[in-house]
Each structure stands twice: as C-alpha cells, then as structure tokens.
C-alpha cells in the first residue's frame, strides 16, 4: 500500500474531505505533519506489533558483526548461522556489534529485526500486508489528534487503532479442543 492511501483515509476521518492527496498538495503543512505521524505509526507497528525481519549474509571480523555492515538499523538479532556448515552459534548483543561465541566463523547468515526508515507520501509502506490502510489511518489520526491537542479524539482513534491491530495480529485458523473421556 502507498502511504498516500492511508493519508487520504486519515483526512476523511479528520473531517477534511476537501483535501486530496496529489503532487500539488503534497507541500501542504497539514500533510507534512500527517506524513510525520504516519512514520511514527509505522515504527510503532514494526517495534510493538509485527516486527520487520531481514536475513543477510555478512563477513565476520574476529568473531564480531558490526551493525554498520547490515542494511537496516538493527533492533534485535534473532539468529546467527554459519554459512559453511549451517550450524547456529550463540551470540550476545552489544550497543555497536554482535559478539559471537565461536570466533572461527568467517561468513554467517544473520536474521534480525529492524526499524524502518522514514518514507515520503508517494512511497510504499514498509509494513506487513495484513495491516490495512484503514488501520494505518486510524494510527495516523491518533498521533495527529494528540499533537494538535484534541485529546478525546486521540483516545478514540488510539483505541480503534489498537483494536484493529489486535484483530490483524490474532492467530487465525482452526480451533482444536483436546478429546476428553467421560466417566
């Protein structure tokens, strides 16, 4: 989904149906604030609800993986796997690097969660496809209302956003009940 879809929906929720999102109005101050709010919400989704994960192959220097070698800004490293033999290795995270227990590894596959970069109004949102434009728009409205001092509306939008996020992240599928014996 493009960010402008969610921004257009949030303008509708905020009661500004006359404003339309296109290239001419993208410099409007209200839209700039809405884009900033959208970036805050996208980061909230990526850190609190549905983390963005990446797997990269990296060169290792003396048993240390510098976060600067990775493409994205690291939140948490999930696993480190030796490319040569496919064995996972233990590690610990420092503020600037990941230190491996096995210092002999030269190349590894690193799986990690990351924080997305800020996007502009005409770019694709770096969030999971299970998050709809409506959910993102509700989050944008909550942030915007809080910044503008509309606290009651902010609480309402925030509750609706959280409910949509719970619905989106709820596990779907078959519900199984264990068989029981009757006496």
N, C-alpha and C. Protein backbone atom coordinates (compact mmCIF):
# COMPACT_ATOMS: atom_id res chain seq x y z
N UNK A 1 0.84 -1.17 0.00
CA UNK A 1 0.00 0.00 0.00
C UNK A 1 0.89 1.23 0.00
N UNK A 2 0.48 2.23 -0.73
CA UNK A 2 1.20 3.50 -0.72
C UNK A 2 0.72 4.34 0.46
N UNK A 3 1.62 5.17 0.96
CA UNK A 3 1.31 5.98 2.13
C UNK A 3 0.17 6.96 1.84
N UNK A 4 0.08 7.43 0.60
CA UNK A 4 -0.98 8.42 0.30
C UNK A 4 -2.38 7.84 0.46
N UNK A 5 -2.56 6.53 0.31
CA UNK A 5 -3.87 5.91 0.55
C UNK A 5 -4.29 6.09 2.00
N UNK A 6 -3.36 5.79 2.92
CA UNK A 6 -3.65 5.92 4.35
C UNK A 6 -3.83 7.39 4.74
N UNK A 7 -3.06 8.27 4.14
CA UNK A 7 -3.17 9.71 4.45
C UNK A 7 -4.53 10.23 3.98
N UNK A 8 -4.98 9.80 2.79
CA UNK A 8 -6.28 10.23 2.29
C UNK A 8 -7.40 9.75 3.21
N UNK A 9 -7.30 8.51 3.69
CA UNK A 9 -8.29 7.99 4.64
C UNK A 9 -8.26 8.77 5.95
N UNK A 10 -7.07 9.10 6.42
CA UNK A 10 -6.97 9.85 7.68
C UNK A 10 -7.54 11.26 7.53
N UNK A 11 -7.38 11.86 6.36
CA UNK A 11 -8.01 13.16 6.12
C UNK A 11 -9.53 13.04 6.18
N UNK A 12 -10.06 11.95 5.66
CA UNK A 12 -11.50 11.71 5.73
C UNK A 12 -11.95 11.54 7.18
N UNK A 13 -11.21 10.75 7.96
CA UNK A 13 -11.54 10.57 9.37
C UNK A 13 -11.48 11.89 10.14
N UNK A 14 -10.54 12.75 9.79
CA UNK A 14 -10.38 14.03 10.48
C UNK A 14 -11.38 15.08 10.01
N UNK A 15 -12.19 14.74 9.01
CA UNK A 15 -13.24 15.63 8.56
C UNK A 15 -12.81 16.63 7.50
N UNK A 16 -11.72 16.35 6.83
CA UNK A 16 -11.23 17.25 5.78
C UNK A 16 -11.33 16.52 4.44
N UNK A 17 -12.56 16.29 3.99
CA UNK A 17 -12.76 15.57 2.74
C UNK A 17 -12.38 16.38 1.51
N UNK A 18 -12.29 17.70 1.67
CA UNK A 18 -11.95 18.55 0.53
C UNK A 18 -10.49 18.41 0.12
N UNK A 19 -9.63 18.14 1.07
CA UNK A 19 -8.20 18.00 0.76
C UNK A 19 -7.97 16.65 0.09
N UNK A 20 -7.29 16.71 -1.04
CA UNK A 20 -6.96 15.46 -1.72
C UNK A 20 -5.44 15.36 -1.80
N UNK A 21 -4.97 14.15 -1.77
CA UNK A 21 -3.53 13.92 -1.77
C UNK A 21 -3.08 13.72 -3.21
N UNK A 22 -2.35 14.70 -3.70
CA UNK A 22 -1.72 14.58 -5.01
C UNK A 22 -0.40 15.34 -4.98
N UNK A 23 0.30 15.42 -6.09
CA UNK A 23 1.62 16.05 -6.10
C UNK A 23 1.57 17.54 -5.80
N UNK A 24 0.47 18.23 -6.15
CA UNK A 24 0.38 19.67 -5.92
C UNK A 24 0.19 20.00 -4.44
N UNK A 25 -0.57 19.17 -3.73
CA UNK A 25 -0.87 19.47 -2.32
C UNK A 25 0.08 18.78 -1.36
N UNK A 26 1.08 18.07 -1.89
CA UNK A 26 1.98 17.34 -1.01
C UNK A 26 2.84 18.27 -0.16
N UNK A 27 2.89 19.55 -0.48
CA UNK A 27 3.68 20.51 0.29
C UNK A 27 2.84 21.21 1.36
N UNK A 28 1.56 20.89 1.43
CA UNK A 28 0.67 21.50 2.42
C UNK A 28 1.17 21.15 3.82
N UNK A 29 1.21 22.12 4.77
CA UNK A 29 1.76 21.85 6.10
C UNK A 29 1.02 20.75 6.87
N UNK A 30 -0.29 20.65 6.68
CA UNK A 30 -1.04 19.59 7.37
C UNK A 30 -0.61 18.22 6.86
N UNK A 31 -0.37 18.10 5.57
CA UNK A 31 0.04 16.82 5.01
C UNK A 31 1.45 16.44 5.47
N UNK A 32 2.31 17.44 5.61
CA UNK A 32 3.66 17.16 6.11
C UNK A 32 3.59 16.58 7.53
N UNK A 33 2.71 17.15 8.35
CA UNK A 33 2.54 16.65 9.71
C UNK A 33 1.93 15.25 9.70
N UNK A 34 1.00 15.01 8.79
CA UNK A 34 0.40 13.68 8.69
C UNK A 34 1.44 12.64 8.25
N UNK A 35 2.36 13.02 7.37
CA UNK A 35 3.42 12.10 6.95
C UNK A 35 4.33 11.78 8.13
N UNK A 36 4.65 12.78 8.95
CA UNK A 36 5.47 12.54 10.15
C UNK A 36 4.74 11.61 11.12
N UNK A 37 3.45 11.84 11.28
CA UNK A 37 2.65 10.96 12.14
C UNK A 37 2.63 9.53 11.59
N UNK A 38 2.51 9.42 10.27
CA UNK A 38 2.50 8.09 9.64
C UNK A 38 3.81 7.36 9.90
N UNK A 39 4.92 8.06 9.81
CA UNK A 39 6.20 7.42 10.07
C UNK A 39 6.31 6.96 11.52
N UNK A 40 5.75 7.75 12.45
CA UNK A 40 5.73 7.32 13.85
C UNK A 40 4.91 6.05 14.02
N UNK A 41 3.77 5.99 13.37
CA UNK A 41 2.88 4.82 13.49
C UNK A 41 3.53 3.59 12.85
N UNK A 42 4.18 3.77 11.71
CA UNK A 42 4.85 2.65 11.04
C UNK A 42 5.95 2.08 11.94
N UNK A 43 6.68 2.96 12.61
CA UNK A 43 7.72 2.49 13.53
C UNK A 43 7.11 1.81 14.74
N UNK A 44 5.97 2.30 15.22
CA UNK A 44 5.29 1.65 16.33
C UNK A 44 4.83 0.25 15.95
N UNK A 45 4.29 0.11 14.76
CA UNK A 45 3.85 -1.20 14.28
C UNK A 45 5.04 -2.15 14.19
N UNK A 46 6.17 -1.65 13.66
CA UNK A 46 7.35 -2.50 13.48
C UNK A 46 8.01 -2.88 14.80
N UNK A 47 7.88 -2.05 15.83
CA UNK A 47 8.53 -2.38 17.10
C UNK A 47 7.61 -3.10 18.08
N UNK A 48 6.31 -2.79 18.07
CA UNK A 48 5.40 -3.33 19.08
C UNK A 48 4.49 -4.45 18.60
N UNK A 49 4.17 -4.50 17.32
CA UNK A 49 3.17 -5.45 16.86
C UNK A 49 3.74 -6.50 15.90
N UNK A 50 4.18 -6.07 14.73
CA UNK A 50 4.65 -7.01 13.70
C UNK A 50 6.05 -6.58 13.28
N UNK A 51 7.07 -7.22 13.84
CA UNK A 51 8.44 -6.79 13.52
C UNK A 51 8.81 -7.09 12.07
N UNK A 52 9.63 -6.22 11.50
CA UNK A 52 10.16 -6.44 10.17
C UNK A 52 11.45 -7.24 10.31
N UNK A 53 11.56 -8.34 9.59
CA UNK A 53 12.75 -9.17 9.69
C UNK A 53 13.51 -9.19 8.37
N UNK A 54 14.80 -9.40 8.49
CA UNK A 54 15.69 -9.47 7.33
C UNK A 54 16.73 -10.54 7.61
N UNK A 55 17.16 -11.23 6.58
CA UNK A 55 18.25 -12.19 6.68
C UNK A 55 19.32 -11.78 5.69
N UNK A 56 20.55 -11.61 6.19
CA UNK A 56 21.66 -11.18 5.34
C UNK A 56 22.87 -12.06 5.57
N UNK A 57 23.65 -12.21 4.53
CA UNK A 57 24.94 -12.89 4.64
C UNK A 57 26.01 -11.82 4.85
N UNK A 58 26.80 -11.95 5.92
CA UNK A 58 27.80 -10.94 6.24
C UNK A 58 29.16 -11.59 6.51
N UNK A 59 30.21 -10.81 6.26
CA UNK A 59 31.57 -11.20 6.61
C UNK A 59 31.77 -10.87 8.09
N UNK A 60 32.51 -11.73 8.79
CA UNK A 60 32.71 -11.55 10.23
C UNK A 60 34.17 -11.25 10.51
N UNK A 61 34.41 -10.22 11.32
CA UNK A 61 35.77 -9.82 11.70
C UNK A 61 36.04 -10.25 13.14
N UNK A 62 36.89 -11.25 13.32
CA UNK A 62 37.33 -11.66 14.65
C UNK A 62 36.17 -12.00 15.58
N UNK A 63 35.13 -12.62 15.05
CA UNK A 63 34.00 -13.03 15.87
C UNK A 63 33.00 -11.93 16.18
N UNK A 64 33.11 -10.78 15.53
CA UNK A 64 32.21 -9.65 15.77
C UNK A 64 31.50 -9.24 14.49
N UNK A 65 30.22 -8.95 14.61
CA UNK A 65 29.44 -8.44 13.48
C UNK A 65 29.04 -7.01 13.81
N UNK A 66 29.60 -6.07 13.08
CA UNK A 66 29.26 -4.66 13.30
C UNK A 66 27.89 -4.39 12.70
N UNK A 67 27.06 -3.66 13.42
CA UNK A 67 25.72 -3.34 12.92
C UNK A 67 25.77 -2.46 11.68
N UNK A 68 26.86 -1.74 11.50
CA UNK A 68 27.00 -0.88 10.32
C UNK A 68 27.10 -1.68 9.03
N UNK A 69 27.49 -2.96 9.12
CA UNK A 69 27.60 -3.82 7.94
C UNK A 69 26.23 -4.25 7.42
N UNK A 70 25.23 -4.16 8.26
CA UNK A 70 23.89 -4.61 7.88
C UNK A 70 23.14 -3.49 7.17
N UNK A 71 22.21 -3.87 6.32
CA UNK A 71 21.47 -2.90 5.50
C UNK A 71 20.55 -1.98 6.32
N UNK A 72 19.94 -2.52 7.35
CA UNK A 72 18.94 -1.78 8.11
C UNK A 72 19.43 -1.50 9.53
N UNK A 73 18.69 -0.62 10.22
CA UNK A 73 19.00 -0.31 11.60
C UNK A 73 18.48 -1.44 12.49
N UNK A 74 19.37 -2.13 13.18
CA UNK A 74 19.05 -3.35 13.92
C UNK A 74 18.31 -3.03 15.21
N UNK A 75 17.22 -3.75 15.44
CA UNK A 75 16.54 -3.73 16.74
C UNK A 75 16.99 -4.91 17.58
N UNK A 76 16.93 -6.11 16.99
CA UNK A 76 17.31 -7.32 17.72
C UNK A 76 17.80 -8.37 16.73
N UNK A 77 18.89 -9.03 17.08
CA UNK A 77 19.37 -10.13 16.26
C UNK A 77 18.69 -11.40 16.75
N UNK A 78 18.10 -12.13 15.82
CA UNK A 78 17.34 -13.34 16.17
C UNK A 78 18.21 -14.59 16.11
N UNK A 79 19.05 -14.69 15.07
CA UNK A 79 19.90 -15.87 14.95
C UNK A 79 21.12 -15.57 14.09
N UNK A 80 22.18 -16.34 14.33
CA UNK A 80 23.40 -16.26 13.53
C UNK A 80 23.75 -17.69 13.14
N UNK A 81 23.84 -17.93 11.82
CA UNK A 81 24.07 -19.29 11.31
C UNK A 81 25.33 -19.29 10.45
N UNK A 82 26.22 -20.21 10.71
CA UNK A 82 27.45 -20.35 9.94
C UNK A 82 27.09 -20.77 8.51
N UNK A 83 27.59 -20.03 7.52
CA UNK A 83 27.29 -20.35 6.12
C UNK A 83 27.97 -21.64 5.71
N UNK A 84 29.17 -21.88 6.21
CA UNK A 84 29.98 -23.03 5.80
C UNK A 84 29.34 -24.36 6.18
N UNK A 85 28.87 -24.50 7.45
CA UNK A 85 28.34 -25.80 7.88
C UNK A 85 26.87 -25.76 8.30
N UNK A 86 26.24 -24.59 8.31
CA UNK A 86 24.82 -24.48 8.63
C UNK A 86 24.48 -24.61 10.10
N UNK A 87 25.47 -24.49 10.97
CA UNK A 87 25.24 -24.62 12.41
C UNK A 87 25.00 -23.23 13.00
N UNK A 88 23.98 -23.15 13.85
CA UNK A 88 23.70 -21.90 14.55
C UNK A 88 24.71 -21.70 15.68
N UNK A 89 25.06 -20.46 15.96
CA UNK A 89 26.01 -20.17 17.02
C UNK A 89 25.40 -19.22 18.04
N UNK A 90 25.87 -19.30 19.25
CA UNK A 90 25.41 -18.40 20.31
C UNK A 90 26.09 -17.04 20.14
N UNK A 91 25.42 -16.01 20.62
CA UNK A 91 25.94 -14.65 20.49
C UNK A 91 25.38 -13.79 21.60
N UNK A 92 25.95 -12.60 21.74
CA UNK A 92 25.38 -11.59 22.63
C UNK A 92 25.47 -10.26 21.92
N UNK A 93 24.51 -9.42 22.20
CA UNK A 93 24.43 -8.13 21.53
C UNK A 93 25.04 -7.04 22.40
N UNK A 94 25.87 -6.21 21.79
CA UNK A 94 26.41 -5.01 22.40
C UNK A 94 25.76 -3.82 21.71
N UNK A 95 25.95 -2.61 22.21
CA UNK A 95 25.34 -1.45 21.54
C UNK A 95 25.80 -1.22 20.10
N UNK A 96 27.03 -1.64 19.74
CA UNK A 96 27.53 -1.37 18.39
C UNK A 96 27.78 -2.61 17.56
N UNK A 97 27.79 -3.79 18.20
CA UNK A 97 28.10 -5.00 17.46
C UNK A 97 27.52 -6.23 18.14
N UNK A 98 27.54 -7.32 17.38
CA UNK A 98 27.12 -8.63 17.89
C UNK A 98 28.39 -9.46 18.07
N UNK A 99 28.59 -9.99 19.26
CA UNK A 99 29.79 -10.78 19.57
C UNK A 99 29.41 -12.26 19.57
N UNK A 100 30.11 -13.04 18.75
CA UNK A 100 29.83 -14.47 18.62
C UNK A 100 30.68 -15.27 19.58
N UNK A 101 30.15 -16.39 20.08
CA UNK A 101 30.94 -17.28 20.93
C UNK A 101 32.00 -18.00 20.10
N UNK A 102 31.62 -18.42 18.91
CA UNK A 102 32.55 -19.11 18.02
C UNK A 102 33.29 -18.07 17.17
N UNK A 103 34.56 -17.84 17.47
CA UNK A 103 35.36 -16.81 16.79
C UNK A 103 35.89 -17.28 15.44
N UNK A 104 35.70 -18.57 15.09
CA UNK A 104 36.26 -19.11 13.85
C UNK A 104 35.37 -18.86 12.63
N UNK A 105 34.17 -18.40 12.82
CA UNK A 105 33.25 -18.19 11.71
C UNK A 105 33.70 -17.00 10.86
N UNK A 106 33.72 -17.19 9.55
CA UNK A 106 34.13 -16.12 8.62
C UNK A 106 32.94 -15.47 7.91
N UNK A 107 31.92 -16.28 7.61
CA UNK A 107 30.69 -15.79 6.96
C UNK A 107 29.50 -16.37 7.69
N UNK A 108 28.47 -15.55 7.86
CA UNK A 108 27.29 -16.02 8.57
C UNK A 108 26.03 -15.43 7.97
N UNK A 109 24.93 -16.16 8.15
CA UNK A 109 23.60 -15.64 7.83
C UNK A 109 23.04 -15.06 9.12
N UNK A 110 22.73 -13.78 9.10
CA UNK A 110 22.22 -13.10 10.28
C UNK A 110 20.76 -12.76 10.04
N UNK A 111 19.90 -13.24 10.94
CA UNK A 111 18.47 -12.91 10.88
C UNK A 111 18.20 -11.94 12.01
N UNK A 112 17.59 -10.80 11.66
CA UNK A 112 17.38 -9.74 12.64
C UNK A 112 16.10 -8.96 12.35
N UNK A 113 15.62 -8.28 13.38
CA UNK A 113 14.51 -7.34 13.20
C UNK A 113 15.09 -5.95 13.09
N UNK A 114 14.38 -5.09 12.35
CA UNK A 114 14.93 -3.76 12.11
C UNK A 114 13.87 -2.68 12.18
N UNK A 115 14.35 -1.45 12.29
CA UNK A 115 13.50 -0.27 12.33
C UNK A 115 13.44 0.33 10.93
N UNK A 116 12.26 0.56 10.37
CA UNK A 116 12.19 1.10 9.01
C UNK A 116 12.60 2.57 8.98
N UNK A 117 13.08 3.01 7.82
CA UNK A 117 13.44 4.42 7.63
C UNK A 117 12.18 5.21 7.32
N UNK A 118 12.25 6.53 7.51
CA UNK A 118 11.11 7.38 7.20
C UNK A 118 10.84 7.37 5.70
N UNK A 119 9.55 7.40 5.36
CA UNK A 119 9.17 7.39 3.94
C UNK A 119 8.42 8.67 3.60
N UNK A 120 8.30 8.92 2.32
CA UNK A 120 7.56 10.08 1.82
C UNK A 120 6.16 9.65 1.41
N UNK A 121 5.34 10.63 1.05
CA UNK A 121 3.91 10.39 0.80
C UNK A 121 3.66 9.47 -0.40
N UNK A 122 4.56 9.44 -1.38
CA UNK A 122 4.31 8.63 -2.57
C UNK A 122 5.05 7.29 -2.55
N UNK A 123 5.58 6.89 -1.40
CA UNK A 123 6.31 5.63 -1.31
C UNK A 123 5.45 4.52 -0.71
N UNK A 124 5.92 3.29 -0.90
CA UNK A 124 5.23 2.13 -0.34
C UNK A 124 5.52 2.03 1.15
N UNK A 125 4.53 1.62 1.92
CA UNK A 125 4.70 1.47 3.37
C UNK A 125 5.45 0.17 3.66
N UNK A 126 6.51 0.23 4.48
CA UNK A 126 7.27 -0.98 4.79
C UNK A 126 6.67 -1.77 5.95
N UNK A 127 5.39 -2.10 5.84
CA UNK A 127 4.74 -2.87 6.89
C UNK A 127 4.11 -4.11 6.27
N UNK A 128 3.72 -5.02 7.13
CA UNK A 128 3.11 -6.27 6.67
C UNK A 128 1.83 -6.00 5.90
N UNK A 129 1.55 -6.80 4.87
CA UNK A 129 0.31 -6.61 4.10
C UNK A 129 -0.96 -6.89 4.88
N UNK A 130 -0.87 -7.52 6.05
CA UNK A 130 -2.07 -7.76 6.83
C UNK A 130 -2.58 -6.49 7.51
N UNK A 131 -1.76 -5.44 7.53
CA UNK A 131 -2.17 -4.15 8.08
C UNK A 131 -2.84 -3.37 6.95
N UNK A 132 -4.09 -3.01 7.16
CA UNK A 132 -4.83 -2.31 6.11
C UNK A 132 -4.57 -0.80 6.16
N UNK A 133 -4.96 -0.12 5.10
CA UNK A 133 -4.83 1.34 5.05
C UNK A 133 -5.70 1.98 6.12
N UNK A 134 -6.84 1.37 6.43
CA UNK A 134 -7.73 1.88 7.48
C UNK A 134 -7.05 1.85 8.84
N UNK A 135 -6.37 0.75 9.15
CA UNK A 135 -5.68 0.63 10.43
C UNK A 135 -4.58 1.67 10.54
N UNK A 136 -3.79 1.82 9.49
CA UNK A 136 -2.72 2.81 9.49
C UNK A 136 -3.30 4.22 9.61
N UNK A 137 -4.41 4.48 8.94
CA UNK A 137 -5.05 5.80 9.00
C UNK A 137 -5.54 6.10 10.42
N UNK A 138 -6.07 5.11 11.11
CA UNK A 138 -6.50 5.32 12.50
C UNK A 138 -5.33 5.68 13.40
N UNK A 139 -4.19 5.02 13.19
CA UNK A 139 -2.99 5.35 13.95
C UNK A 139 -2.50 6.75 13.65
N UNK A 140 -2.55 7.14 12.38
CA UNK A 140 -2.15 8.49 11.98
C UNK A 140 -3.06 9.52 12.64
N UNK A 141 -4.35 9.26 12.63
CA UNK A 141 -5.31 10.19 13.26
C UNK A 141 -5.06 10.30 14.76
N UNK A 142 -4.72 9.20 15.41
CA UNK A 142 -4.45 9.23 16.85
C UNK A 142 -3.24 10.11 17.15
N UNK A 143 -2.17 9.94 16.38
CA UNK A 143 -0.96 10.76 16.58
C UNK A 143 -1.23 12.22 16.27
N UNK A 144 -1.93 12.47 15.16
CA UNK A 144 -2.22 13.84 14.75
C UNK A 144 -3.09 14.54 15.80
N UNK A 145 -4.11 13.86 16.28
CA UNK A 145 -5.00 14.46 17.28
C UNK A 145 -4.26 14.76 18.57
N UNK A 146 -3.35 13.90 18.95
CA UNK A 146 -2.56 14.14 20.16
C UNK A 146 -1.66 15.36 19.99
N UNK A 147 -1.03 15.48 18.84
CA UNK A 147 -0.15 16.63 18.58
C UNK A 147 -0.95 17.93 18.54
N UNK A 148 -2.14 17.88 17.97
CA UNK A 148 -2.96 19.09 17.84
C UNK A 148 -3.75 19.42 19.11
N UNK A 149 -3.64 18.60 20.14
CA UNK A 149 -4.30 18.89 21.41
C UNK A 149 -5.75 18.43 21.48
N UNK A 150 -6.17 17.59 20.56
CA UNK A 150 -7.53 17.04 20.58
C UNK A 150 -7.47 15.69 21.30
N UNK A 151 -7.42 15.75 22.63
CA UNK A 151 -7.12 14.56 23.42
C UNK A 151 -8.23 13.52 23.39
N UNK A 152 -9.49 13.94 23.41
CA UNK A 152 -10.59 12.97 23.39
C UNK A 152 -10.61 12.20 22.07
N UNK A 153 -10.41 12.92 20.95
CA UNK A 153 -10.36 12.26 19.65
C UNK A 153 -9.15 11.33 19.56
N UNK A 154 -8.04 11.77 20.17
CA UNK A 154 -6.83 10.95 20.15
C UNK A 154 -7.06 9.63 20.86
N UNK A 155 -7.73 9.67 22.00
CA UNK A 155 -8.03 8.44 22.75
C UNK A 155 -8.94 7.53 21.92
N UNK A 156 -9.94 8.11 21.28
CA UNK A 156 -10.87 7.32 20.47
C UNK A 156 -10.15 6.65 19.30
N UNK A 157 -9.34 7.44 18.55
CA UNK A 157 -8.61 6.87 17.41
C UNK A 157 -7.60 5.83 17.89
N UNK A 158 -6.95 6.09 19.02
CA UNK A 158 -5.96 5.16 19.54
C UNK A 158 -6.60 3.83 19.92
N UNK A 159 -7.76 3.86 20.55
CA UNK A 159 -8.45 2.62 20.92
C UNK A 159 -8.86 1.84 19.69
N UNK A 160 -9.36 2.53 18.68
CA UNK A 160 -9.76 1.85 17.45
C UNK A 160 -8.54 1.26 16.72
N UNK A 161 -7.43 2.01 16.73
CA UNK A 161 -6.19 1.52 16.13
C UNK A 161 -5.70 0.25 16.84
N UNK A 162 -5.68 0.28 18.16
CA UNK A 162 -5.22 -0.88 18.92
C UNK A 162 -6.13 -2.09 18.71
N UNK A 163 -7.44 -1.85 18.62
CA UNK A 163 -8.37 -2.95 18.37
C UNK A 163 -8.12 -3.55 16.98
N UNK A 164 -7.91 -2.71 15.97
CA UNK A 164 -7.60 -3.21 14.63
C UNK A 164 -6.28 -3.98 14.62
N UNK A 165 -5.30 -3.52 15.37
CA UNK A 165 -4.02 -4.21 15.43
C UNK A 165 -4.17 -5.57 16.12
N UNK A 166 -4.98 -5.63 17.17
CA UNK A 166 -5.22 -6.92 17.83
C UNK A 166 -5.90 -7.89 16.87
N UNK A 167 -6.85 -7.38 16.10
CA UNK A 167 -7.55 -8.22 15.13
C UNK A 167 -6.60 -8.70 14.05
N UNK A 168 -5.74 -7.82 13.56
CA UNK A 168 -4.81 -8.18 12.50
C UNK A 168 -3.75 -9.18 12.96
N UNK A 169 -3.32 -9.07 14.20
CA UNK A 169 -2.25 -9.95 14.69
C UNK A 169 -2.76 -11.22 15.36
N UNK A 170 -4.09 -11.34 15.51
CA UNK A 170 -4.65 -12.54 16.13
C UNK A 170 -4.42 -13.74 15.23
N UNK A 171 -4.06 -14.84 15.83
CA UNK A 171 -3.84 -16.06 15.06
C UNK A 171 -5.18 -16.56 14.54
N UNK A 172 -5.20 -16.83 13.26
CA UNK A 172 -6.41 -17.33 12.63
C UNK A 172 -6.19 -18.79 12.27
N UNK A 173 -7.24 -19.50 12.25
CA UNK A 173 -7.13 -20.90 11.88
C UNK A 173 -8.09 -21.76 12.66
N UNK A 174 -7.85 -23.02 12.57
CA UNK A 174 -8.73 -23.99 13.18
C UNK A 174 -8.53 -24.01 14.69
N UNK A 175 -9.63 -24.03 15.40
CA UNK A 175 -9.59 -24.14 16.85
C UNK A 175 -9.79 -25.60 17.21
N UNK A 176 -8.85 -26.14 17.96
CA UNK A 176 -8.93 -27.55 18.33
C UNK A 176 -9.11 -27.68 19.83
N UNK A 177 -10.01 -28.57 20.19
CA UNK A 177 -10.24 -28.88 21.60
C UNK A 177 -9.78 -30.31 21.83
N UNK A 178 -8.99 -30.50 22.86
CA UNK A 178 -8.48 -31.84 23.14
C UNK A 178 -9.63 -32.80 23.43
N UNK A 179 -9.54 -34.03 22.92
CA UNK A 179 -10.59 -35.01 23.22
C UNK A 179 -10.54 -35.38 24.70
N UNK A 180 -11.71 -35.58 25.26
CA UNK A 180 -11.80 -35.93 26.68
C UNK A 180 -12.60 -37.21 26.85
N UNK A 181 -12.35 -37.85 27.96
CA UNK A 181 -13.09 -39.08 28.28
C UNK A 181 -14.18 -38.74 29.27
N UNK A 182 -15.31 -39.36 29.09
CA UNK A 182 -16.41 -39.20 30.02
C UNK A 182 -16.44 -40.37 30.96
N UNK A 183 -16.69 -40.10 32.20
CA UNK A 183 -16.73 -41.17 33.20
C UNK A 183 -18.13 -41.65 33.44
